[in-house]
């Protein structure tokens, strides 16, 4: 049963890797330079070397739009934390579960289960933040009449739409759920 949980966890991680690679590929394809934003030094900064009042108030005058958007979030950097911690915790958890499969030491199983729970929490929060950002992007679309109702294929400003197939996301979530169920049964020794 422990080997089955390990194999299921590895399959779920493989599906998650596929999701991550396709999201990165789609994000790189969607990035273009915004012609409205100047690339060089702002005109106010070239006029004089002394800082102006506006520059003193806005200390990040050279910050790109994505950084300003991340700083305006209620808890800045939370999306990046979830994006990093979900795959990282999954790999750490697989390592502990592999330790349990090899040694049959129950401590490894308990730690692996705890890391699996943290991985699932990070993944769910990452998914919810992506959904929220997609809704915000659709709501700020110039042609949008109602939030959530735009033309098909319309992209939001600055935030790429979710590119993952719902079937693949459901498969990844189902694999995580089954892995969690088997791990709980093993740790509880049912």
Protein backbone atom coordinates (compact mmCIF):
# COMPACT_ATOMS: atom_id res chain seq x y z
CA UNK A 1 0.00 0.00 0.00
CA UNK A 2 2.90 2.37 0.77
CA UNK A 3 4.42 1.71 -2.66
CA UNK A 4 1.06 2.41 -4.29
CA UNK A 5 0.88 5.74 -2.44
CA UNK A 6 4.41 6.59 -3.58
CA UNK A 7 3.61 5.76 -7.20
CA UNK A 8 0.37 7.74 -7.05
CA UNK A 9 2.24 10.68 -5.51
CA UNK A 10 4.86 10.49 -8.29
CA UNK A 11 2.13 10.43 -10.96
CA UNK A 12 0.46 13.43 -9.34
CA UNK A 13 3.82 15.24 -9.27
CA UNK A 14 4.33 14.43 -12.95
CA UNK A 15 0.94 15.92 -13.82
CA UNK A 16 1.81 18.96 -11.68
CA UNK A 17 5.12 19.33 -13.53
CA UNK A 18 3.21 19.28 -16.80
CA UNK A 19 0.90 22.02 -15.49
CA UNK A 20 3.87 24.10 -14.34
CA UNK A 21 5.73 23.78 -17.64
CA UNK A 22 2.70 24.67 -19.73
CA UNK A 23 1.94 27.67 -17.49
CA UNK A 24 5.51 28.95 -17.75
CA UNK A 25 5.52 28.44 -21.50
CA UNK A 26 2.22 30.30 -21.88
CA UNK A 27 3.42 33.08 -19.58
CA UNK A 28 6.58 33.60 -21.60
CA UNK A 29 4.60 33.63 -24.82
CA UNK A 30 2.16 36.21 -23.42
CA UNK A 31 4.81 38.66 -22.21
CA UNK A 32 5.26 41.63 -24.48
CA UNK A 33 6.68 45.05 -23.85
CA UNK A 34 3.94 47.54 -23.03
CA UNK A 35 4.29 50.42 -25.52
CA UNK A 36 2.56 52.82 -23.10
CA UNK A 37 5.30 52.44 -20.47
CA UNK A 38 8.58 54.23 -21.20
CA UNK A 39 11.61 52.01 -21.07
CA UNK A 40 14.13 54.74 -20.36
CA UNK A 41 14.42 57.30 -17.60
CA UNK A 42 11.28 59.39 -16.94
CA UNK A 43 11.31 62.99 -18.15
CA UNK A 44 10.98 64.36 -14.59
CA UNK A 45 14.12 62.52 -13.54
CA UNK A 46 16.16 63.91 -16.44
CA UNK A 47 15.08 67.51 -15.83
CA UNK A 48 17.02 67.82 -12.60
CA UNK A 49 19.22 65.63 -10.50
CA UNK A 50 17.51 66.66 -7.25
CA UNK A 51 14.59 64.45 -6.25
CA UNK A 52 11.18 66.03 -6.64
CA UNK A 53 8.29 65.75 -4.19
CA UNK A 54 6.57 63.17 -6.38
CA UNK A 55 9.74 61.09 -6.52
CA UNK A 56 10.13 61.38 -2.76
CA UNK A 57 6.59 60.09 -2.24
CA UNK A 58 6.95 57.31 -4.79
CA UNK A 59 10.25 55.64 -4.01
CA UNK A 60 9.75 52.98 -6.69
CA UNK A 61 9.57 55.20 -9.75
CA UNK A 62 11.47 52.65 -11.80
CA UNK A 63 9.41 49.65 -10.63
CA UNK A 64 7.71 47.72 -13.42
CA UNK A 65 3.94 47.32 -13.48
CA UNK A 66 4.11 43.73 -12.21
CA UNK A 67 6.08 44.81 -9.12
CA UNK A 68 3.65 47.64 -8.38
CA UNK A 69 0.75 45.21 -8.72
CA UNK A 70 2.42 42.70 -6.39
CA UNK A 71 3.07 45.42 -3.83
CA UNK A 72 -0.56 46.52 -3.94
CA UNK A 73 -1.82 43.07 -2.94
CA UNK A 74 -3.04 42.68 0.65
CA UNK A 75 -0.17 40.33 1.44
CA UNK A 76 2.49 41.01 -1.15
CA UNK A 77 4.40 38.03 -2.49
CA UNK A 78 1.90 35.43 -1.27
CA UNK A 79 1.29 34.17 -4.80
CA UNK A 80 5.03 33.78 -5.38
CA UNK A 81 5.36 31.95 -2.08
CA UNK A 82 2.62 29.50 -3.02
CA UNK A 83 4.06 29.09 -6.51
CA UNK A 84 7.42 28.12 -5.04
CA UNK A 85 6.33 26.19 -1.98
CA UNK A 86 3.80 23.86 -3.65
CA UNK A 87 6.31 22.02 -5.89
CA UNK A 88 9.09 22.30 -3.30
CA UNK A 89 6.97 20.75 -0.56
CA UNK A 90 5.82 18.04 -2.95
CA UNK A 91 9.41 17.00 -3.62
CA UNK A 92 10.30 17.08 0.08
CA UNK A 93 7.22 15.01 0.90
CA UNK A 94 8.08 12.45 -1.77
CA UNK A 95 11.52 12.14 -0.20
CA UNK A 96 10.07 11.47 3.25
CA UNK A 97 7.56 9.00 1.84
CA UNK A 98 10.35 7.22 -0.01
CA UNK A 99 12.17 7.05 3.32
CA UNK A 100 9.10 5.41 4.81
CA UNK A 101 8.82 2.91 1.95
CA UNK A 102 12.47 1.93 2.33
CA UNK A 103 12.75 1.83 6.14
CA UNK A 104 9.13 1.31 7.26
CA UNK A 105 9.80 3.78 10.06
CA UNK A 106 6.46 5.31 10.99
CA UNK A 107 8.06 8.69 11.73
CA UNK A 108 8.83 9.12 8.03
CA UNK A 109 5.19 8.39 7.19
CA UNK A 110 3.90 10.94 9.69
CA UNK A 111 6.31 13.62 8.46
CA UNK A 112 5.44 12.77 4.84
CA UNK A 113 1.73 13.11 5.64
CA UNK A 114 2.31 16.48 7.28
CA UNK A 115 4.30 17.72 4.31
CA UNK A 116 1.56 16.40 1.99
CA UNK A 117 -1.03 18.43 3.88
CA UNK A 118 1.14 21.54 3.56
CA UNK A 119 1.60 20.84 -0.14
CA UNK A 120 -2.13 20.55 -0.67
CA UNK A 121 -2.77 23.80 1.23
CA UNK A 122 -0.16 25.63 -0.85
CA UNK A 123 -1.62 24.20 -4.06
CA UNK A 124 -5.18 25.14 -3.19
CA UNK A 125 -4.15 28.67 -2.23
CA UNK A 126 -2.14 29.01 -5.46
CA UNK A 127 -5.15 27.86 -7.49
CA UNK A 128 -7.50 30.27 -5.70
CA UNK A 129 -5.11 33.20 -6.21
CA UNK A 130 -4.87 32.38 -9.93
CA UNK A 131 -8.66 32.28 -10.18
CA UNK A 132 -8.93 35.60 -8.34
CA UNK A 133 -6.35 37.22 -10.62
CA UNK A 134 -8.12 35.89 -13.71
CA UNK A 135 -11.42 37.35 -12.47
CA UNK A 136 -9.74 40.69 -11.78
CA UNK A 137 -8.20 40.71 -15.23
CA UNK A 138 -11.57 40.05 -16.84
CA UNK A 139 -13.24 42.72 -14.69
CA UNK A 140 -10.71 45.36 -15.73
CA UNK A 141 -11.06 44.50 -19.41
CA UNK A 142 -12.24 47.62 -21.30
CA UNK A 143 -15.04 45.79 -23.16
CA UNK A 144 -16.36 43.95 -20.11
CA UNK A 145 -19.93 44.78 -19.17
CA UNK A 146 -20.23 42.45 -16.20
CA UNK A 147 -17.50 40.80 -14.17
CA UNK A 148 -16.87 37.33 -15.48
CA UNK A 149 -18.65 37.90 -18.82
CA UNK A 150 -16.36 38.76 -21.71
CA UNK A 151 -15.77 37.53 -25.17
CA UNK A 152 -14.02 34.18 -25.48
CA UNK A 153 -10.27 34.48 -25.76
CA UNK A 154 -10.14 37.95 -24.26
CA UNK A 155 -7.03 38.42 -22.17
CA UNK A 156 -6.80 40.63 -19.13
CA UNK A 157 -4.39 43.49 -18.84
CA UNK A 158 -1.11 42.42 -17.32
CA UNK A 159 -2.25 39.10 -15.86
CA UNK A 160 -2.26 36.04 -18.11
CA UNK A 161 -5.38 33.90 -18.08
CA UNK A 162 -5.26 30.45 -16.57
CA UNK A 163 -3.91 28.23 -19.29
CA UNK A 164 -4.31 24.83 -17.68
CA UNK A 165 -6.93 22.47 -18.98
CA UNK A 166 -9.68 21.87 -16.41
CA UNK A 167 -9.37 18.13 -17.01
CA UNK A 168 -5.68 18.15 -16.15
CA UNK A 169 -6.35 20.26 -13.04
CA UNK A 170 -9.07 17.85 -11.94
CA UNK A 171 -6.76 14.90 -12.57
CA UNK A 172 -4.02 16.56 -10.49
CA UNK A 173 -6.48 17.31 -7.67
CA UNK A 174 -7.91 13.79 -7.75
CA UNK A 175 -4.42 12.30 -7.59
CA UNK A 176 -3.58 14.51 -4.61
CA UNK A 177 -6.83 13.53 -2.88
CA UNK A 178 -6.24 9.81 -3.40
CA UNK A 179 -2.64 10.16 -2.23
CA UNK A 180 -3.84 11.94 0.89
CA UNK A 181 -6.46 9.26 1.55
CA UNK A 182 -3.97 6.41 1.21
CA UNK A 183 -1.37 8.23 3.34
CA UNK A 184 -3.93 8.86 6.11
CA UNK A 185 -4.96 5.21 6.04
CA UNK A 186 -1.34 4.09 6.28
CA UNK A 187 -0.46 6.47 9.12
CA UNK A 188 -3.64 5.55 11.01
CA UNK A 189 -2.84 1.86 10.32
CA UNK A 190 -6.33 1.00 9.19
